[in-house]
Amino acid sequence: MMSYKILIVDDEADLRESVGYLMEDAGFQVETAANGHEALGAAQVFQPDLVLLDVMMPKENGYRVSRRIHEAQLAGLVPAHTKVVLLTARKLDQDPERERLFAEFAQPDGVIYKPFDPDQLVAQVSHMVGLNAAA
């Protein structure tokens, strides 16, 4: 069976670690990054199938990093098949128009809201990389 690569980007070490263990337990190969700058370098070296990307990070937020990953894909630095999924505690109902504009700018392949159910996270990631989570 092919081992899919997941890059987890979050400024909270506990979240990176817990999601990393969860993804490794599900059979994924995992790399982590603590901020947007690290994420861009890791995406180019690790060549992930999917990036789980926190939105609210210091210096460079997840929206901007998502956009830059897409630009790196166009430049051939990151695989074209790499999916970007935003992990966020921000709720759309706080300012739906602003969130719509951010999403349009970032062009994520999906959004998962914190707090999330661990089993559902694994199922969503599995589905996004083309695995049947029930297998």
N, C-alpha and C. Protein backbone atom coordinates (compact mmCIF):
# COMPACT_ATOMS: atom_id res chain seq x y z
N MET A 1 0.83 -1.19 0.00
CA MET A 1 0.00 0.00 0.00
C MET A 1 0.87 1.25 0.00
N MET A 2 0.48 2.23 -0.78
CA MET A 2 1.22 3.48 -0.86
C MET A 2 1.05 4.28 0.43
N SER A 3 2.12 4.86 0.93
CA SER A 3 2.05 5.69 2.12
C SER A 3 1.92 7.15 1.69
N TYR A 4 0.80 7.75 2.00
CA TYR A 4 0.57 9.14 1.65
C TYR A 4 1.25 10.05 2.67
N LYS A 5 1.70 11.20 2.18
CA LYS A 5 2.44 12.16 3.01
C LYS A 5 1.54 13.31 3.43
N ILE A 6 1.55 13.60 4.74
CA ILE A 6 0.76 14.69 5.29
C ILE A 6 1.71 15.66 5.99
N LEU A 7 1.61 16.94 5.63
CA LEU A 7 2.37 18.00 6.30
C LEU A 7 1.40 18.72 7.23
N ILE A 8 1.74 18.75 8.52
CA ILE A 8 0.89 19.40 9.52
C ILE A 8 1.58 20.70 9.93
N VAL A 9 0.87 21.82 9.76
CA VAL A 9 1.43 23.13 10.06
C VAL A 9 0.56 23.81 11.11
N ASP A 10 1.14 24.05 12.28
CA ASP A 10 0.43 24.73 13.35
C ASP A 10 1.45 25.30 14.31
N ASP A 11 1.19 26.49 14.84
CA ASP A 11 2.12 27.09 15.79
C ASP A 11 1.98 26.50 17.19
N GLU A 12 0.96 25.69 17.43
CA GLU A 12 0.78 25.03 18.72
C GLU A 12 1.40 23.64 18.67
N ALA A 13 2.47 23.46 19.44
CA ALA A 13 3.21 22.19 19.42
C ALA A 13 2.34 21.01 19.82
N ASP A 14 1.47 21.19 20.81
CA ASP A 14 0.61 20.09 21.25
C ASP A 14 -0.30 19.62 20.13
N LEU A 15 -0.83 20.55 19.36
CA LEU A 15 -1.73 20.18 18.26
C LEU A 15 -0.94 19.47 17.17
N ARG A 16 0.23 19.99 16.83
CA ARG A 16 1.07 19.33 15.82
C ARG A 16 1.36 17.89 16.23
N GLU A 17 1.72 17.72 17.49
CA GLU A 17 2.06 16.39 17.99
C GLU A 17 0.86 15.46 18.00
N SER A 18 -0.27 15.92 18.51
CA SER A 18 -1.44 15.03 18.60
C SER A 18 -1.99 14.68 17.23
N VAL A 19 -2.06 15.64 16.32
CA VAL A 19 -2.54 15.35 14.96
C VAL A 19 -1.51 14.48 14.24
N GLY A 20 -0.24 14.71 14.49
CA GLY A 20 0.80 13.88 13.89
C GLY A 20 0.67 12.42 14.29
N TYR A 21 0.48 12.18 15.58
CA TYR A 21 0.29 10.80 16.05
C TYR A 21 -0.96 10.18 15.43
N LEU A 22 -2.01 10.97 15.37
CA LEU A 22 -3.27 10.49 14.80
C LEU A 22 -3.08 10.07 13.34
N MET A 23 -2.38 10.90 12.58
CA MET A 23 -2.17 10.61 11.15
C MET A 23 -1.21 9.43 10.97
N GLU A 24 -0.17 9.36 11.80
CA GLU A 24 0.75 8.21 11.71
C GLU A 24 0.03 6.92 12.06
N ASP A 25 -0.83 6.97 13.06
CA ASP A 25 -1.63 5.81 13.45
C ASP A 25 -2.52 5.34 12.30
N ALA A 26 -2.95 6.27 11.48
CA ALA A 26 -3.81 5.95 10.33
C ALA A 26 -2.99 5.49 9.13
N GLY A 27 -1.66 5.47 9.26
CA GLY A 27 -0.82 4.96 8.19
C GLY A 27 -0.19 6.01 7.29
N PHE A 28 -0.32 7.28 7.65
CA PHE A 28 0.27 8.34 6.84
C PHE A 28 1.70 8.61 7.28
N GLN A 29 2.51 9.07 6.34
CA GLN A 29 3.85 9.56 6.64
C GLN A 29 3.68 11.03 6.98
N VAL A 30 4.25 11.48 8.10
CA VAL A 30 3.98 12.81 8.63
C VAL A 30 5.24 13.65 8.75
N GLU A 31 5.10 14.90 8.40
CA GLU A 31 6.13 15.92 8.65
C GLU A 31 5.38 17.09 9.28
N THR A 32 6.06 17.87 10.11
CA THR A 32 5.41 19.01 10.74
C THR A 32 6.21 20.29 10.52
N ALA A 33 5.51 21.39 10.67
CA ALA A 33 6.12 22.71 10.59
C ALA A 33 5.42 23.61 11.60
N ALA A 34 6.18 24.51 12.23
CA ALA A 34 5.65 25.35 13.30
C ALA A 34 5.14 26.71 12.82
N ASN A 35 5.42 27.04 11.57
CA ASN A 35 4.97 28.34 11.06
C ASN A 35 4.93 28.31 9.53
N GLY A 36 4.45 29.39 8.96
CA GLY A 36 4.29 29.46 7.51
C GLY A 36 5.60 29.37 6.75
N HIS A 37 6.63 30.00 7.26
CA HIS A 37 7.92 29.95 6.58
C HIS A 37 8.44 28.52 6.52
N GLU A 38 8.38 27.82 7.67
CA GLU A 38 8.81 26.41 7.70
C GLU A 38 7.94 25.56 6.77
N ALA A 39 6.66 25.89 6.70
CA ALA A 39 5.72 25.11 5.88
C ALA A 39 6.10 25.14 4.41
N LEU A 40 6.48 26.30 3.92
CA LEU A 40 6.83 26.42 2.50
C LEU A 40 8.07 25.60 2.17
N GLY A 41 9.07 25.68 3.03
CA GLY A 41 10.27 24.88 2.82
C GLY A 41 9.99 23.39 2.92
N ALA A 42 9.20 23.01 3.93
CA ALA A 42 8.87 21.60 4.12
C ALA A 42 8.06 21.06 2.96
N ALA A 43 7.15 21.87 2.43
CA ALA A 43 6.33 21.42 1.29
C ALA A 43 7.21 21.14 0.08
N GLN A 44 8.24 21.93 -0.11
CA GLN A 44 9.12 21.73 -1.26
C GLN A 44 10.02 20.51 -1.08
N VAL A 45 10.47 20.25 0.15
CA VAL A 45 11.36 19.12 0.41
C VAL A 45 10.58 17.82 0.59
N PHE A 46 9.51 17.86 1.40
CA PHE A 46 8.74 16.67 1.76
C PHE A 46 7.80 16.21 0.65
N GLN A 47 7.37 17.16 -0.19
CA GLN A 47 6.47 16.86 -1.32
C GLN A 47 5.19 16.15 -0.84
N PRO A 48 4.40 16.80 0.04
CA PRO A 48 3.24 16.15 0.63
C PRO A 48 2.09 15.96 -0.34
N ASP A 49 1.25 14.99 0.00
CA ASP A 49 0.00 14.79 -0.73
C ASP A 49 -1.07 15.74 -0.20
N LEU A 50 -0.94 16.11 1.08
CA LEU A 50 -1.91 17.00 1.70
C LEU A 50 -1.24 17.81 2.78
N VAL A 51 -1.64 19.08 2.89
CA VAL A 51 -1.14 19.97 3.93
C VAL A 51 -2.31 20.34 4.83
N LEU A 52 -2.20 20.02 6.13
CA LEU A 52 -3.16 20.50 7.12
C LEU A 52 -2.58 21.77 7.69
N LEU A 53 -3.22 22.89 7.44
CA LEU A 53 -2.63 24.20 7.65
C LEU A 53 -3.46 25.06 8.59
N ASP A 54 -2.89 25.38 9.75
CA ASP A 54 -3.55 26.29 10.69
C ASP A 54 -3.71 27.66 10.03
N VAL A 55 -4.78 28.34 10.34
CA VAL A 55 -5.01 29.67 9.76
C VAL A 55 -4.35 30.75 10.60
N MET A 56 -4.59 30.73 11.89
CA MET A 56 -4.11 31.83 12.74
C MET A 56 -2.74 31.48 13.32
N MET A 57 -1.70 31.98 12.63
CA MET A 57 -0.32 31.78 13.05
C MET A 57 0.37 33.13 13.03
N PRO A 58 1.41 33.30 13.87
CA PRO A 58 2.15 34.56 13.83
C PRO A 58 2.93 34.72 12.53
N LYS A 59 3.20 35.92 12.18
CA LYS A 59 3.99 36.31 11.01
C LYS A 59 3.27 36.06 9.69
N GLU A 60 3.02 34.82 9.35
CA GLU A 60 2.39 34.51 8.06
C GLU A 60 1.20 33.59 8.31
N ASN A 61 -0.01 34.12 8.07
CA ASN A 61 -1.20 33.33 8.35
C ASN A 61 -1.41 32.23 7.30
N GLY A 62 -2.28 31.30 7.64
CA GLY A 62 -2.53 30.15 6.78
C GLY A 62 -3.11 30.50 5.43
N TYR A 63 -3.89 31.56 5.35
CA TYR A 63 -4.44 31.97 4.06
C TYR A 63 -3.31 32.31 3.08
N ARG A 64 -2.36 33.09 3.58
CA ARG A 64 -1.23 33.50 2.74
C ARG A 64 -0.35 32.29 2.38
N VAL A 65 -0.13 31.40 3.35
CA VAL A 65 0.69 30.22 3.10
C VAL A 65 0.02 29.32 2.07
N SER A 66 -1.29 29.15 2.19
CA SER A 66 -2.03 28.36 1.20
C SER A 66 -1.82 28.93 -0.20
N ARG A 67 -1.95 30.22 -0.31
CA ARG A 67 -1.75 30.90 -1.60
C ARG A 67 -0.34 30.65 -2.13
N ARG A 68 0.64 30.75 -1.23
CA ARG A 68 2.04 30.56 -1.65
C ARG A 68 2.32 29.11 -2.03
N ILE A 69 1.65 28.16 -1.38
CA ILE A 69 1.81 26.75 -1.77
C ILE A 69 1.26 26.56 -3.17
N HIS A 70 0.11 27.17 -3.47
CA HIS A 70 -0.45 27.06 -4.82
C HIS A 70 0.49 27.69 -5.86
N GLU A 71 1.12 28.80 -5.51
CA GLU A 71 2.08 29.43 -6.42
C GLU A 71 3.29 28.51 -6.63
N ALA A 72 3.73 27.83 -5.56
CA ALA A 72 4.85 26.89 -5.67
C ALA A 72 4.46 25.69 -6.54
N GLN A 73 3.19 25.31 -6.50
CA GLN A 73 2.73 24.23 -7.38
C GLN A 73 2.85 24.66 -8.84
N LEU A 74 2.43 25.88 -9.13
CA LEU A 74 2.51 26.38 -10.51
C LEU A 74 3.95 26.47 -11.00
N ALA A 75 4.87 26.71 -10.06
CA ALA A 75 6.29 26.81 -10.41
C ALA A 75 6.96 25.43 -10.43
N GLY A 76 6.21 24.38 -10.10
CA GLY A 76 6.77 23.03 -10.12
C GLY A 76 7.60 22.68 -8.89
N LEU A 77 7.48 23.49 -7.83
CA LEU A 77 8.27 23.25 -6.62
C LEU A 77 7.56 22.35 -5.62
N VAL A 78 6.23 22.26 -5.75
CA VAL A 78 5.38 21.42 -4.91
C VAL A 78 4.51 20.62 -5.88
N PRO A 79 4.26 19.34 -5.59
CA PRO A 79 3.46 18.53 -6.52
C PRO A 79 2.09 19.17 -6.82
N ALA A 80 1.69 19.09 -8.05
CA ALA A 80 0.41 19.67 -8.47
C ALA A 80 -0.77 19.01 -7.77
N HIS A 81 -0.61 17.74 -7.35
CA HIS A 81 -1.72 17.03 -6.71
C HIS A 81 -1.87 17.37 -5.22
N THR A 82 -0.92 18.10 -4.64
CA THR A 82 -0.97 18.42 -3.21
C THR A 82 -2.23 19.21 -2.89
N LYS A 83 -2.96 18.73 -1.89
CA LYS A 83 -4.17 19.41 -1.43
C LYS A 83 -3.83 20.22 -0.18
N VAL A 84 -4.50 21.36 -0.04
CA VAL A 84 -4.33 22.20 1.14
C VAL A 84 -5.66 22.27 1.87
N VAL A 85 -5.64 21.89 3.15
CA VAL A 85 -6.83 21.94 3.98
C VAL A 85 -6.53 22.86 5.16
N LEU A 86 -7.34 23.90 5.29
CA LEU A 86 -7.18 24.83 6.39
C LEU A 86 -7.78 24.25 7.66
N LEU A 87 -7.04 24.35 8.75
CA LEU A 87 -7.54 23.99 10.09
C LEU A 87 -7.73 25.30 10.82
N THR A 88 -8.95 25.58 11.25
CA THR A 88 -9.19 26.87 11.85
C THR A 88 -10.22 26.84 12.95
N ALA A 89 -10.04 27.73 13.91
CA ALA A 89 -11.04 27.94 14.96
C ALA A 89 -11.94 29.10 14.58
N ARG A 90 -11.61 29.78 13.48
CA ARG A 90 -12.43 30.91 13.02
C ARG A 90 -13.74 30.37 12.47
N LYS A 91 -14.82 31.00 12.84
CA LYS A 91 -16.13 30.57 12.36
C LYS A 91 -16.62 31.53 11.28
N LEU A 92 -17.17 30.96 10.23
CA LEU A 92 -17.65 31.78 9.11
C LEU A 92 -18.71 32.77 9.53
N ASP A 93 -19.52 32.44 10.53
CA ASP A 93 -20.61 33.33 10.91
C ASP A 93 -20.13 34.60 11.60
N GLN A 94 -18.85 34.66 11.98
CA GLN A 94 -18.33 35.88 12.59
C GLN A 94 -18.27 37.02 11.57
N ASP A 95 -17.91 36.72 10.36
CA ASP A 95 -17.89 37.70 9.28
C ASP A 95 -17.82 36.93 7.97
N PRO A 96 -18.98 36.42 7.49
CA PRO A 96 -18.98 35.52 6.33
C PRO A 96 -18.37 36.13 5.06
N GLU A 97 -18.59 37.40 4.81
CA GLU A 97 -18.05 38.01 3.59
C GLU A 97 -16.52 38.07 3.65
N ARG A 98 -16.00 38.43 4.80
CA ARG A 98 -14.55 38.49 4.97
C ARG A 98 -13.94 37.08 4.79
N GLU A 99 -14.57 36.07 5.38
CA GLU A 99 -14.07 34.70 5.25
C GLU A 99 -14.16 34.22 3.80
N ARG A 100 -15.20 34.61 3.10
CA ARG A 100 -15.34 34.23 1.69
C ARG A 100 -14.18 34.82 0.88
N LEU A 101 -13.85 36.08 1.15
CA LEU A 101 -12.74 36.72 0.44
C LEU A 101 -11.40 36.05 0.76
N PHE A 102 -11.21 35.72 2.04
CA PHE A 102 -9.98 35.03 2.43
C PHE A 102 -9.88 33.68 1.72
N ALA A 103 -10.98 32.94 1.71
CA ALA A 103 -10.98 31.62 1.06
C ALA A 103 -10.73 31.75 -0.44
N GLU A 104 -11.30 32.78 -1.05
CA GLU A 104 -11.08 33.01 -2.48
C GLU A 104 -9.60 33.30 -2.74
N PHE A 105 -8.98 34.06 -1.86
CA PHE A 105 -7.56 34.38 -1.97
C PHE A 105 -6.70 33.12 -1.78
N ALA A 106 -7.01 32.34 -0.73
CA ALA A 106 -6.19 31.19 -0.35
C ALA A 106 -6.43 29.97 -1.22
N GLN A 107 -7.61 29.82 -1.77
CA GLN A 107 -8.01 28.69 -2.60
C GLN A 107 -7.71 27.33 -1.96
N PRO A 108 -8.18 27.13 -0.70
CA PRO A 108 -7.94 25.82 -0.08
C PRO A 108 -8.81 24.75 -0.74
N ASP A 109 -8.39 23.52 -0.60
CA ASP A 109 -9.17 22.39 -1.11
C ASP A 109 -10.22 21.96 -0.08
N GLY A 110 -10.09 22.46 1.14
CA GLY A 110 -11.05 22.14 2.18
C GLY A 110 -10.77 22.95 3.42
N VAL A 111 -11.75 22.94 4.34
CA VAL A 111 -11.62 23.62 5.62
C VAL A 111 -12.15 22.67 6.70
N ILE A 112 -11.39 22.53 7.76
CA ILE A 112 -11.82 21.75 8.91
C ILE A 112 -11.77 22.67 10.12
N TYR A 113 -12.88 22.70 10.86
CA TYR A 113 -12.98 23.60 12.00
C TYR A 113 -12.56 22.93 13.30
N LYS A 114 -11.81 23.68 14.10
CA LYS A 114 -11.42 23.25 15.43
C LYS A 114 -12.54 23.64 16.39
N PRO A 115 -12.83 22.86 17.39
CA PRO A 115 -12.30 21.54 17.65
C PRO A 115 -12.89 20.53 16.66
N PHE A 116 -12.15 19.50 16.35
CA PHE A 116 -12.60 18.50 15.39
C PHE A 116 -12.62 17.13 16.07
N ASP A 117 -13.41 16.25 15.53
CA ASP A 117 -13.46 14.87 15.99
C ASP A 117 -12.29 14.13 15.33
N PRO A 118 -11.42 13.47 16.11
CA PRO A 118 -10.25 12.81 15.53
C PRO A 118 -10.60 11.80 14.43
N ASP A 119 -11.64 10.99 14.64
CA ASP A 119 -12.02 10.01 13.63
C ASP A 119 -12.49 10.68 12.34
N GLN A 120 -13.22 11.79 12.49
CA GLN A 120 -13.69 12.51 11.31
C GLN A 120 -12.52 13.17 10.57
N LEU A 121 -11.54 13.65 11.33
CA LEU A 121 -10.35 14.24 10.69
C LEU A 121 -9.64 13.20 9.84
N VAL A 122 -9.43 12.01 10.40
CA VAL A 122 -8.76 10.94 9.65
C VAL A 122 -9.59 10.58 8.41
N ALA A 123 -10.90 10.49 8.58
CA ALA A 123 -11.77 10.15 7.45
C ALA A 123 -11.71 11.21 6.36
N GLN A 124 -11.72 12.50 6.75
CA GLN A 124 -11.67 13.57 5.76
C GLN A 124 -10.33 13.58 5.03
N VAL A 125 -9.25 13.42 5.76
CA VAL A 125 -7.92 13.41 5.14
C VAL A 125 -7.81 12.20 4.20
N SER A 126 -8.26 11.05 4.66
CA SER A 126 -8.21 9.84 3.83
C SER A 126 -8.99 10.04 2.54
N HIS A 127 -10.16 10.61 2.66
CA HIS A 127 -11.00 10.87 1.48
C HIS A 127 -10.30 11.83 0.52
N MET A 128 -9.68 12.86 1.07
CA MET A 128 -9.05 13.88 0.21
C MET A 128 -7.84 13.35 -0.56
N VAL A 129 -7.14 12.36 0.01
CA VAL A 129 -6.00 11.80 -0.71
C VAL A 129 -6.40 10.60 -1.56
N GLY A 130 -7.69 10.25 -1.50
CA GLY A 130 -8.19 9.18 -2.36
C GLY A 130 -8.25 7.83 -1.71
N LEU A 131 -8.13 7.78 -0.38
CA LEU A 131 -8.23 6.50 0.32
C LEU A 131 -9.65 6.30 0.82
N ASN A 132 -10.04 5.07 0.92
CA ASN A 132 -11.31 4.74 1.55
C ASN A 132 -11.03 4.59 3.04
N ALA A 133 -11.56 5.50 3.86
CA ALA A 133 -11.26 5.51 5.29
C ALA A 133 -11.73 4.23 5.99
N ALA A 134 -12.66 3.53 5.39
CA ALA A 134 -13.17 2.31 6.02
C ALA A 134 -12.24 1.12 5.79
N ALA A 135 -11.27 1.26 4.89
CA ALA A 135 -10.38 0.14 4.56
C ALA A 135 -9.38 -0.11 5.66
